[in-house]
Protein backbone atom coordinates (compact mmCIF):
# COMPACT_ATOMS: atom_id res chain seq x y z
CA UNK A 1 -8.22 -11.32 28.68
CA UNK A 2 -11.19 -8.52 28.97
CA UNK A 3 -12.42 -7.87 25.32
CA UNK A 4 -12.52 -4.23 24.62
CA UNK A 5 -12.95 -3.68 21.21
CA UNK A 6 -12.77 -0.22 20.87
CA UNK A 7 -11.46 2.44 18.00
CA UNK A 8 -7.93 3.76 19.38
CA UNK A 9 -5.81 6.43 17.98
CA UNK A 10 -2.26 5.34 17.20
CA UNK A 11 0.97 6.34 16.30
CA UNK A 12 2.58 3.53 14.04
CA UNK A 13 5.44 3.27 12.01
CA UNK A 14 5.00 2.07 8.26
CA UNK A 15 8.44 0.83 6.78
CA UNK A 16 9.60 -1.15 3.95
CA UNK A 17 5.65 -2.74 3.91
CA UNK A 18 5.80 -3.75 7.95
CA UNK A 19 3.54 -1.86 10.28
CA UNK A 20 4.72 -1.53 14.23
CA UNK A 21 2.55 0.24 16.81
CA UNK A 22 4.39 2.69 18.53
CA UNK A 23 2.05 4.00 21.13
CA UNK A 24 -1.59 4.34 21.53
CA UNK A 25 -4.58 6.38 23.50
CA UNK A 26 -7.24 4.45 25.27
CA UNK A 27 -9.36 5.96 28.09
CA UNK A 28 -7.49 9.27 28.09
CA UNK A 29 -3.89 7.54 28.50
CA UNK A 30 -1.24 7.27 26.06
CA UNK A 31 0.15 3.90 26.08
CA UNK A 32 3.57 3.53 25.06
CA UNK A 33 4.33 0.14 23.55
CA UNK A 34 7.15 -1.46 24.91
CA UNK A 35 7.73 -4.28 22.97
CA UNK A 36 5.06 -6.17 20.23
CA UNK A 37 5.20 -10.06 21.49
CA UNK A 38 3.49 -11.41 18.80
CA UNK A 39 1.68 -10.17 15.76
CA UNK A 40 -0.15 -11.79 12.79
CA UNK A 41 -2.48 -11.54 10.08
CA UNK A 42 -6.32 -12.63 9.71
CA UNK A 43 -8.16 -12.41 6.09
CA UNK A 44 -11.73 -12.77 5.57
CA UNK A 45 -12.23 -12.57 1.91
CA UNK A 46 -10.67 -9.22 0.56
CA UNK A 47 -10.07 -7.96 3.76
CA UNK A 48 -7.40 -8.03 6.04
CA UNK A 49 -6.45 -6.98 9.27
CA UNK A 50 -2.96 -6.87 11.18
CA UNK A 51 -2.62 -8.23 14.60
CA UNK A 52 -0.40 -7.29 17.46
CA UNK A 53 0.20 -8.21 20.79
CA UNK A 54 1.93 -5.71 22.47
CA UNK A 55 2.89 -4.50 26.05
CA UNK A 56 3.81 -1.76 27.73
CA UNK A 57 5.87 -3.77 30.79
CA UNK A 58 3.27 -4.18 32.68
CA UNK A 59 -0.21 -5.13 30.64
CA UNK A 60 -0.73 -6.88 27.34
CA UNK A 61 -2.84 -5.35 24.92
CA UNK A 62 -4.26 -6.85 21.76
CA UNK A 63 -4.48 -4.07 18.74
CA UNK A 64 -5.77 -4.85 15.22
CA UNK A 65 -4.91 -2.36 12.14
CA UNK A 66 -6.91 -2.62 9.12
CA UNK A 67 -5.73 -0.65 6.01
CA UNK A 68 -8.61 -0.80 3.72
CA UNK A 69 -10.39 1.41 6.33
CA UNK A 70 -7.28 2.74 8.10
CA UNK A 71 -8.71 2.00 11.21
CA UNK A 72 -6.96 0.80 14.49
CA UNK A 73 -8.97 -0.85 17.36
CA UNK A 74 -8.14 -1.92 20.64
CA UNK A 75 -9.66 -5.67 20.90
CA UNK A 76 -8.54 -6.91 24.34
CA UNK A 77 -6.64 -6.27 27.80
CA UNK A 78 -4.99 -8.67 30.05
CA UNK A 79 -3.64 -7.56 33.05
CA UNK A 80 -2.61 -9.73 36.52
CA UNK A 81 -4.94 -7.55 38.53
CA UNK A 82 -7.99 -6.95 36.25
CA UNK A 83 -8.18 -3.83 34.36
């Protein structure tokens, strides 16, 4: 995994208390989320982050969403041949 830690624009579904990223923009490319492979919640005191491992079918991305600040970040990227 290559650490990225950059803010990204995300189109997501917010339905019945659940969050699901649908696509995001990184490096001037729109990346569709084909599958959410894993998701979890991380807490630090009162702050909470929703974390997602997602794939476009070729590359694995780690996204995070912090609802208090309504901010999405691309945390890391993993590909077979590098970025």
